[in-house]
Amino acid sequence: MTVAALRTKAPARAAAPYRVMIVDDSAVVRGLLARALESDGGIHVAASAANGQMALDTLKRHDIELLLLDVEMPVMDGLTALPLLVKARPDLKVIMVSSLTKSCAAVTLKALAAGAADYVAKPSSADREAGDVFRRDLVAKVKALAEARRAAASPSLTTRAPAVVGASLRAGPAGPPRAIAIGASTGGPTALYRIAAALKAELVQPIFVTQHMPPTFTAIFADHLARASGWAAAEACDGEAVAERRIYVAPGDYHMLVESADGGKRIRLSKGPAENYCRPAVDPMLRSLAAVYGDGLLAVMLTGMGHDGLAGADAVVAAGGAVIAQDQASSVVWGMPGAVATAGLCSALLPLDEIAPFLAAAARRGLR
């Protein structure tokens, strides 16, 4: 075998670990987060800081790709530090670390609107199983966001959907939808705020939203959607009747389902098993809506990691409904929308700012 052949067969050099900084005023939490991250060989904790000001100073000395940022800290808190950190390093990905209190949830959602990419609930060392779930989710989020950052910096590394245009797009139902369903995860809150702010008056269809989000967060998130859209928006309640021109948000830790009852439609909340490691999950929502609305359902898949929503989107298409997805360039992480796009389930693949106009047009004349 020639040297050239040996070189051809040699494995590619492994990518360098993702470089992370942890910012938290608790040394215990910093240690817990560092151990969780470095349990994965693809992540290196390159620096840590006890408050936002220290983080700004440390960022000048270290090449950091992703930063875990506590919400509540002395000297400079996370919400104050966030815009300064992003200004100092525009390509920096930031994950907020928040307690599951109402006040921290409100601040975290403000941070997402101000440029944070995602958030995690502050871990507890008391429950080992919960700790394992936290570690898995944290590592997955860090790697997905850091990889998206590297891909954006090096377009040649970006994985693009093969031929997700033209013939690979499905024709949609002829008539306007009777309901709209939206699934999202990482980057979803900001994307949903922008869509909500652009909703048009001609849209009267109920909108069902499953955003991967814990309890406490979803009620505040729904309030933000209401303010952005001018629509009635709230966490869904078990047994409530579905009405027009209303946004129903899946509550944290419950799957949101819809069933036919008493000549109309009603919400059902389920504590069924997590799907795709999530509750609420997009798949059960879409399956139930496909069964109830059939070809009258339009599903929208927004930015998010993983593939939650793929099986549900398949059920939507099988029932005669339509699926559209956010494009890769405007997604924070092109996992969920990429999964449905590459599976050939989409009737349209759109930049974020074109989704609300598309919904308005579909409401007037359908997808054809």
Protein backbone atom coordinates (compact mmCIF):
# COMPACT_ATOMS: atom_id res chain seq x y z
CA MET A 1 0.00 0.00 0.00
CA THR A 2 1.34 3.43 -0.94
CA VAL A 3 1.85 6.28 1.51
CA ALA A 4 -0.89 8.18 -0.32
CA ALA A 5 -3.31 5.31 0.21
CA LEU A 6 -2.38 5.13 3.88
CA ARG A 7 -3.05 8.84 4.21
CA THR A 8 -6.42 8.42 2.51
CA LYS A 9 -7.42 5.72 4.98
CA ALA A 10 -6.13 7.52 8.08
CA PRO A 11 -8.97 8.67 10.37
CA ALA A 12 -9.71 12.36 10.50
CA ARG A 13 -8.31 14.19 13.50
CA ALA A 14 -10.90 14.57 16.21
CA ALA A 15 -12.33 18.04 16.63
CA ALA A 16 -10.99 20.05 19.56
CA PRO A 17 -13.21 20.03 22.66
CA TYR A 18 -15.76 22.81 23.00
CA ARG A 19 -14.44 25.55 25.30
CA VAL A 20 -16.84 26.59 28.08
CA MET A 21 -16.84 29.17 30.88
CA ILE A 22 -19.02 28.73 33.98
CA VAL A 23 -20.27 31.88 35.73
CA ASP A 24 -21.95 31.35 39.12
CA ASP A 25 -21.39 32.86 42.56
CA SER A 26 -21.61 29.40 44.19
CA ALA A 27 -18.41 27.38 44.15
CA VAL A 28 -20.52 24.26 44.76
CA VAL A 29 -22.64 24.89 41.67
CA ARG A 30 -19.57 25.72 39.57
CA GLY A 31 -18.02 22.41 40.61
CA LEU A 32 -21.21 20.48 39.90
CA LEU A 33 -21.56 22.04 36.45
CA ALA A 34 -17.88 21.45 35.64
CA ARG A 35 -18.09 17.76 36.59
CA ALA A 36 -21.24 17.33 34.52
CA LEU A 37 -19.68 18.94 31.46
CA GLU A 38 -16.31 17.24 31.65
CA SER A 39 -17.94 13.82 31.97
CA ASP A 40 -18.06 14.22 28.19
CA GLY A 41 -14.67 14.21 26.52
CA GLY A 42 -15.86 16.67 23.89
CA ILE A 43 -16.21 19.54 26.38
CA HIS A 44 -13.48 21.44 28.23
CA VAL A 45 -14.24 23.89 31.05
CA ALA A 46 -11.64 26.51 30.16
CA ALA A 47 -12.54 29.12 32.81
CA SER A 48 -14.91 30.04 35.60
CA ALA A 49 -16.06 33.24 37.32
CA ALA A 50 -18.12 34.20 40.36
CA ASN A 51 -20.06 37.12 38.84
CA GLY A 52 -20.74 38.96 35.61
CA GLN A 53 -17.91 41.47 35.98
CA MET A 54 -15.37 38.70 36.55
CA ALA A 55 -16.76 36.95 33.49
CA LEU A 56 -16.18 40.04 31.34
CA ASP A 57 -12.60 40.29 32.59
CA THR A 58 -11.97 36.56 32.11
CA LEU A 59 -13.42 36.60 28.59
CA LYS A 60 -10.60 38.91 27.52
CA ARG A 61 -8.02 36.25 28.42
CA HIS A 62 -9.71 33.09 27.16
CA ASP A 63 -11.06 31.91 23.83
CA ILE A 64 -14.52 30.82 25.00
CA GLU A 65 -17.19 29.36 22.71
CA LEU A 66 -20.04 28.91 25.15
CA LEU A 67 -20.84 30.41 28.55
CA LEU A 68 -23.10 29.12 31.35
CA LEU A 69 -24.45 32.22 33.11
CA ASP A 70 -26.20 32.28 36.48
CA VAL A 71 -29.20 34.60 36.82
CA GLU A 72 -28.71 35.86 40.39
CA MET A 73 -25.18 36.98 41.41
CA PRO A 74 -23.62 39.80 43.44
CA VAL A 75 -21.63 42.65 41.84
CA MET A 76 -23.15 42.02 38.40
CA ASP A 77 -26.08 39.65 37.79
CA GLY A 78 -26.64 37.57 34.71
CA LEU A 79 -29.21 39.78 33.01
CA THR A 80 -26.95 42.84 33.38
CA ALA A 81 -23.88 40.95 32.18
CA LEU A 82 -25.52 39.25 29.18
CA PRO A 83 -25.57 42.17 26.68
CA LEU A 84 -22.04 43.20 27.70
CA LEU A 85 -20.74 39.66 27.17
CA VAL A 86 -22.45 39.34 23.79
CA LYS A 87 -21.14 42.76 22.74
CA ALA A 88 -17.61 41.74 23.73
CA ARG A 89 -17.89 38.42 21.87
CA PRO A 90 -20.76 38.51 19.33
CA ASP A 91 -20.43 34.85 18.38
CA LEU A 92 -20.55 33.67 22.01
CA LYS A 93 -23.34 31.22 22.85
CA VAL A 94 -24.88 31.78 26.30
CA ILE A 95 -26.97 29.34 28.33
CA MET A 96 -28.70 30.84 31.36
CA VAL A 97 -28.66 28.79 34.59
CA SER A 98 -31.87 29.51 36.50
CA SER A 99 -33.67 28.41 39.63
CA LEU A 100 -37.25 27.26 39.07
CA THR A 101 -38.76 30.23 40.86
CA LYS A 102 -41.23 32.63 39.31
CA SER A 103 -38.84 35.58 39.56
CA CYS A 104 -35.92 33.66 38.06
CA ALA A 105 -38.15 32.31 35.29
CA ALA A 106 -39.20 35.85 34.37
CA VAL A 107 -35.59 37.03 34.29
CA THR A 108 -34.50 34.01 32.24
CA LEU A 109 -37.17 34.65 29.60
CA LYS A 110 -35.98 38.28 29.42
CA ALA A 111 -32.45 36.96 28.92
CA LEU A 112 -33.60 34.75 26.04
CA ALA A 113 -35.18 37.80 24.40
CA ALA A 114 -31.90 39.70 24.98
CA GLY A 115 -29.70 37.17 23.21
CA ALA A 116 -29.21 34.08 25.38
CA ALA A 117 -29.48 30.91 23.30
CA ASP A 118 -31.03 28.61 25.91
CA TYR A 119 -31.37 27.91 29.62
CA VAL A 120 -31.10 25.06 32.11
CA ALA A 121 -32.73 24.71 35.52
CA LYS A 122 -30.19 24.92 38.35
CA PRO A 123 -29.29 21.36 39.38
CA SER A 124 -29.96 19.68 42.70
CA SER A 125 -27.52 17.15 44.13
CA ALA A 126 -30.24 15.47 46.22
CA ASP A 127 -31.79 13.29 43.48
CA ARG A 128 -29.33 11.10 41.62
CA GLU A 129 -31.74 10.20 38.81
CA ALA A 130 -32.60 13.85 38.32
CA GLY A 131 -28.89 14.61 38.33
CA ASP A 132 -28.30 12.09 35.54
CA VAL A 133 -31.10 13.65 33.46
CA PHE A 134 -29.70 17.12 34.12
CA ARG A 135 -26.19 16.05 33.04
CA ARG A 136 -27.48 14.46 29.83
CA ASP A 137 -29.57 17.51 28.92
CA LEU A 138 -26.80 19.98 29.78
CA VAL A 139 -24.17 18.16 27.75
CA ALA A 140 -26.53 17.82 24.80
CA LYS A 141 -27.39 21.54 24.83
CA VAL A 142 -23.78 22.66 25.16
CA LYS A 143 -22.62 20.43 22.31
CA ALA A 144 -25.51 21.35 20.01
CA LEU A 145 -25.04 25.09 20.51
CA ALA A 146 -21.25 24.99 20.32
CA GLU A 147 -21.43 22.91 17.14
CA ALA A 148 -23.91 25.37 15.63
CA ARG A 149 -21.48 28.18 16.47
CA ARG A 150 -18.58 26.40 14.77
CA ALA A 151 -20.73 25.60 11.75
CA ALA A 152 -21.74 29.26 11.42
CA ALA A 153 -18.10 30.30 11.61
CA SER A 154 -17.11 27.69 8.99
CA PRO A 155 -19.94 27.31 6.45
CA SER A 156 -18.16 24.34 4.88
CA LEU A 157 -18.83 22.40 8.10
CA THR A 158 -22.57 23.09 8.05
CA THR A 159 -24.72 20.06 7.40
CA ARG A 160 -27.40 21.06 4.95
CA ALA A 161 -30.54 19.21 3.95
CA PRO A 162 -30.00 17.54 0.58
CA ALA A 163 -32.34 19.03 -2.02
CA VAL A 164 -34.92 20.34 0.43
CA VAL A 165 -36.39 22.44 -2.36
CA GLY A 166 -38.53 21.96 -5.41
CA ALA A 167 -39.68 18.39 -5.87
CA SER A 168 -38.87 17.45 -2.27
CA LEU A 169 -41.54 19.84 -0.96
CA ARG A 170 -45.07 18.48 -0.60
CA ALA A 171 -48.22 20.10 -1.88
CA GLY A 172 -50.43 21.22 0.98
CA PRO A 173 -54.19 20.82 1.43
CA ALA A 174 -56.33 22.98 -0.84
CA GLY A 175 -58.35 24.68 1.89
CA PRO A 176 -57.29 26.92 4.78
CA PRO A 177 -56.25 25.11 7.98
CA ARG A 178 -58.68 24.84 10.87
CA ALA A 179 -55.89 24.75 13.45
CA ILE A 180 -52.18 25.57 13.70
CA ALA A 181 -49.67 23.68 15.84
CA ILE A 182 -46.16 24.92 16.64
CA GLY A 183 -43.31 22.90 18.13
CA ALA A 184 -40.03 24.41 19.35
CA SER A 185 -37.09 23.92 21.68
CA THR A 186 -33.69 25.66 21.75
CA GLY A 187 -34.14 29.19 20.42
CA GLY A 188 -37.90 28.73 20.37
CA PRO A 189 -39.05 31.45 22.79
CA THR A 190 -37.46 34.26 20.78
CA ALA A 191 -38.70 32.75 17.51
CA LEU A 192 -42.22 32.43 18.87
CA TYR A 193 -42.24 36.03 20.14
CA ARG A 194 -41.36 37.24 16.64
CA ILE A 195 -44.06 35.12 15.03
CA ALA A 196 -46.62 36.21 17.64
CA ALA A 197 -45.80 39.89 17.08
CA ALA A 198 -46.44 39.45 13.34
CA LEU A 199 -49.73 37.53 13.56
CA LYS A 200 -52.38 39.10 11.33
CA ALA A 201 -56.00 39.82 12.12
CA GLU A 202 -57.23 37.39 9.44
CA LEU A 203 -55.85 34.49 11.46
CA VAL A 204 -58.65 33.12 13.62
CA GLN A 205 -57.48 29.51 13.88
CA PRO A 206 -56.55 28.26 17.37
CA ILE A 207 -52.78 27.93 17.79
CA PHE A 208 -51.34 25.12 19.91
CA VAL A 209 -47.76 25.57 21.12
CA THR A 210 -45.44 23.02 22.67
CA GLN A 211 -42.15 24.62 23.71
CA HIS A 212 -39.73 22.47 25.69
CA MET A 213 -39.90 24.30 29.01
CA PRO A 214 -40.23 23.41 32.71
CA PRO A 215 -43.09 24.29 35.08
CA THR A 216 -43.18 27.92 36.27
CA PHE A 217 -41.70 29.05 32.95
CA THR A 218 -44.66 28.19 30.71
CA ALA A 219 -47.21 30.48 32.39
CA ILE A 220 -44.85 33.47 32.09
CA PHE A 221 -43.98 32.45 28.52
CA ALA A 222 -47.70 32.40 27.63
CA ASP A 223 -48.11 35.91 29.11
CA HIS A 224 -45.28 37.14 26.89
CA LEU A 225 -46.95 35.60 23.83
CA ALA A 226 -50.19 37.34 24.74
CA ARG A 227 -48.45 40.72 24.99
CA ALA A 228 -46.56 40.18 21.74
CA SER A 229 -49.57 39.04 19.71
CA GLY A 230 -52.57 40.80 21.24
CA TRP A 231 -54.28 37.39 21.28
CA ALA A 232 -55.57 35.55 24.33
CA ALA A 233 -52.72 33.22 25.30
CA ALA A 234 -52.32 31.04 28.38
CA GLU A 235 -51.27 27.66 29.64
CA ALA A 236 -53.80 25.09 28.47
CA CYS A 237 -56.19 23.74 31.13
CA ASP A 238 -57.45 20.19 31.19
CA GLY A 239 -60.99 19.98 29.82
CA GLU A 240 -61.23 23.53 28.46
CA ALA A 241 -63.02 24.03 25.15
CA VAL A 242 -60.93 25.06 22.16
CA ALA A 243 -61.83 28.51 20.87
CA GLU A 244 -60.79 30.59 17.87
CA ARG A 245 -58.10 33.27 17.98
CA ARG A 246 -56.46 31.82 21.08
CA ILE A 247 -52.96 30.48 21.79
CA TYR A 248 -52.76 27.36 23.96
CA VAL A 249 -49.36 26.67 25.54
CA ALA A 250 -48.51 23.19 26.83
CA PRO A 251 -47.85 23.52 30.59
CA GLY A 252 -44.48 22.43 31.91
CA ASP A 253 -44.40 18.69 32.79
CA TYR A 254 -47.64 17.93 30.87
CA HIS A 255 -48.23 16.73 27.32
CA MET A 256 -50.95 18.81 25.67
CA LEU A 257 -53.51 16.79 23.69
CA VAL A 258 -56.77 17.68 21.96
CA GLU A 259 -59.85 15.47 21.59
CA SER A 260 -63.29 15.75 20.00
CA ALA A 261 -66.02 16.10 22.62
CA ASP A 262 -69.58 17.46 22.80
CA GLY A 263 -69.52 18.53 19.19
CA GLY A 264 -66.35 20.55 19.64
CA LYS A 265 -62.72 20.18 20.70
CA ARG A 266 -61.31 20.02 24.22
CA ILE A 267 -57.84 20.14 25.73
CA ARG A 268 -56.54 17.12 27.59
CA LEU A 269 -53.36 17.29 29.67
CA SER A 270 -51.38 14.10 30.18
CA LYS A 271 -48.70 12.97 32.60
CA GLY A 272 -47.85 10.16 30.18
CA PRO A 273 -44.22 9.08 29.80
CA ALA A 274 -41.73 11.63 28.48
CA GLU A 275 -41.14 11.33 24.75
CA ASN A 276 -37.78 12.21 23.24
CA TYR A 277 -36.76 12.90 26.88
CA CYS A 278 -39.35 15.69 27.01
CA ARG A 279 -42.64 16.45 28.75
CA PRO A 280 -44.26 18.41 27.24
CA ALA A 281 -43.26 16.92 23.89
CA VAL A 282 -44.26 17.90 20.38
CA ASP A 283 -44.97 14.38 19.09
CA PRO A 284 -48.00 13.60 21.30
CA MET A 285 -49.49 17.03 20.58
CA LEU A 286 -49.19 16.53 16.82
CA ARG A 287 -50.54 12.97 16.92
CA SER A 288 -53.66 14.06 18.79
CA LEU A 289 -54.24 17.09 16.58
CA ALA A 290 -53.77 15.04 13.40
CA ALA A 291 -56.42 12.60 14.63
CA VAL A 292 -58.88 15.42 15.38
CA TYR A 293 -58.26 17.91 12.56
CA GLY A 294 -56.99 15.67 9.74
CA ASP A 295 -56.33 17.71 6.60
CA GLY A 296 -57.30 20.86 8.50
CA LEU A 297 -54.04 20.96 10.52
CA LEU A 298 -50.98 23.03 9.69
CA ALA A 299 -47.92 22.16 11.80
CA VAL A 300 -44.92 24.47 12.16
CA MET A 301 -41.54 23.15 13.32
CA LEU A 302 -39.23 25.79 14.75
CA THR A 303 -35.63 25.83 15.93
CA GLY A 304 -34.62 23.17 18.44
CA MET A 305 -32.17 20.34 19.02
CA GLY A 306 -33.06 16.68 18.61
CA HIS A 307 -35.92 15.26 16.57
CA ASP A 308 -39.02 15.71 18.72
CA GLY A 309 -41.89 16.39 16.32
CA LEU A 310 -40.62 14.13 13.52
CA ALA A 311 -42.97 11.22 14.27
CA GLY A 312 -45.81 13.66 14.94
CA ALA A 313 -45.18 15.47 11.64
CA ASP A 314 -45.34 12.13 9.86
CA ALA A 315 -48.76 11.56 11.46
CA VAL A 316 -49.90 15.03 10.33
CA VAL A 317 -48.94 14.34 6.72
CA ALA A 318 -50.50 10.85 6.83
CA ALA A 319 -53.78 12.44 8.00
CA GLY A 320 -53.72 14.88 5.07
CA GLY A 321 -52.41 17.91 6.94
CA ALA A 322 -49.35 20.02 6.16
CA VAL A 323 -46.00 20.72 7.81
CA ILE A 324 -43.69 23.69 7.36
CA ALA A 325 -40.30 24.23 9.00
CA GLN A 326 -37.90 27.02 9.87
CA ASP A 327 -34.84 27.08 7.62
CA GLN A 328 -31.33 26.33 8.79
CA ALA A 329 -29.91 29.83 8.43
CA SER A 330 -32.43 31.39 10.83
CA SER A 331 -32.48 28.52 13.36
CA VAL A 332 -30.40 28.57 16.54
CA VAL A 333 -30.14 24.78 16.22
CA TRP A 334 -31.48 23.04 13.11
CA GLY A 335 -32.32 19.74 14.75
CA MET A 336 -36.12 19.56 14.96
CA PRO A 337 -36.89 21.51 11.77
CA GLY A 338 -34.01 19.79 9.98
CA ALA A 339 -35.40 16.37 10.89
CA VAL A 340 -38.78 17.01 9.28
CA ALA A 341 -37.21 18.79 6.31
CA THR A 342 -34.76 16.01 5.47
CA ALA A 343 -37.54 13.43 5.91
CA GLY A 344 -39.42 15.08 3.04
CA LEU A 345 -42.43 16.04 5.15
CA CYS A 346 -42.49 19.80 4.50
CA SER A 347 -44.69 21.88 2.26
CA ALA A 348 -42.41 24.88 2.84
CA LEU A 349 -39.01 25.63 4.39
CA LEU A 350 -38.91 29.27 5.46
CA PRO A 351 -36.76 31.90 7.19
CA LEU A 352 -38.22 32.83 10.57
CA ASP A 353 -39.55 36.23 9.46
CA GLU A 354 -41.50 34.65 6.57
CA ILE A 355 -43.43 32.20 8.74
CA ALA A 356 -46.10 34.61 10.05
CA PRO A 357 -46.85 35.99 6.53
CA PHE A 358 -47.07 32.39 5.30
CA LEU A 359 -49.59 31.56 8.04
CA ALA A 360 -51.67 34.62 7.09
CA ALA A 361 -51.68 33.62 3.43
CA ALA A 362 -52.57 30.02 4.29
CA ALA A 363 -55.43 31.25 6.46
CA ARG A 364 -56.85 33.15 3.48
CA ARG A 365 -56.46 30.62 0.66
CA GLY A 366 -54.82 27.43 1.84
CA LEU A 367 -51.39 26.18 0.80
CA ARG A 368 -52.01 25.86 -2.94
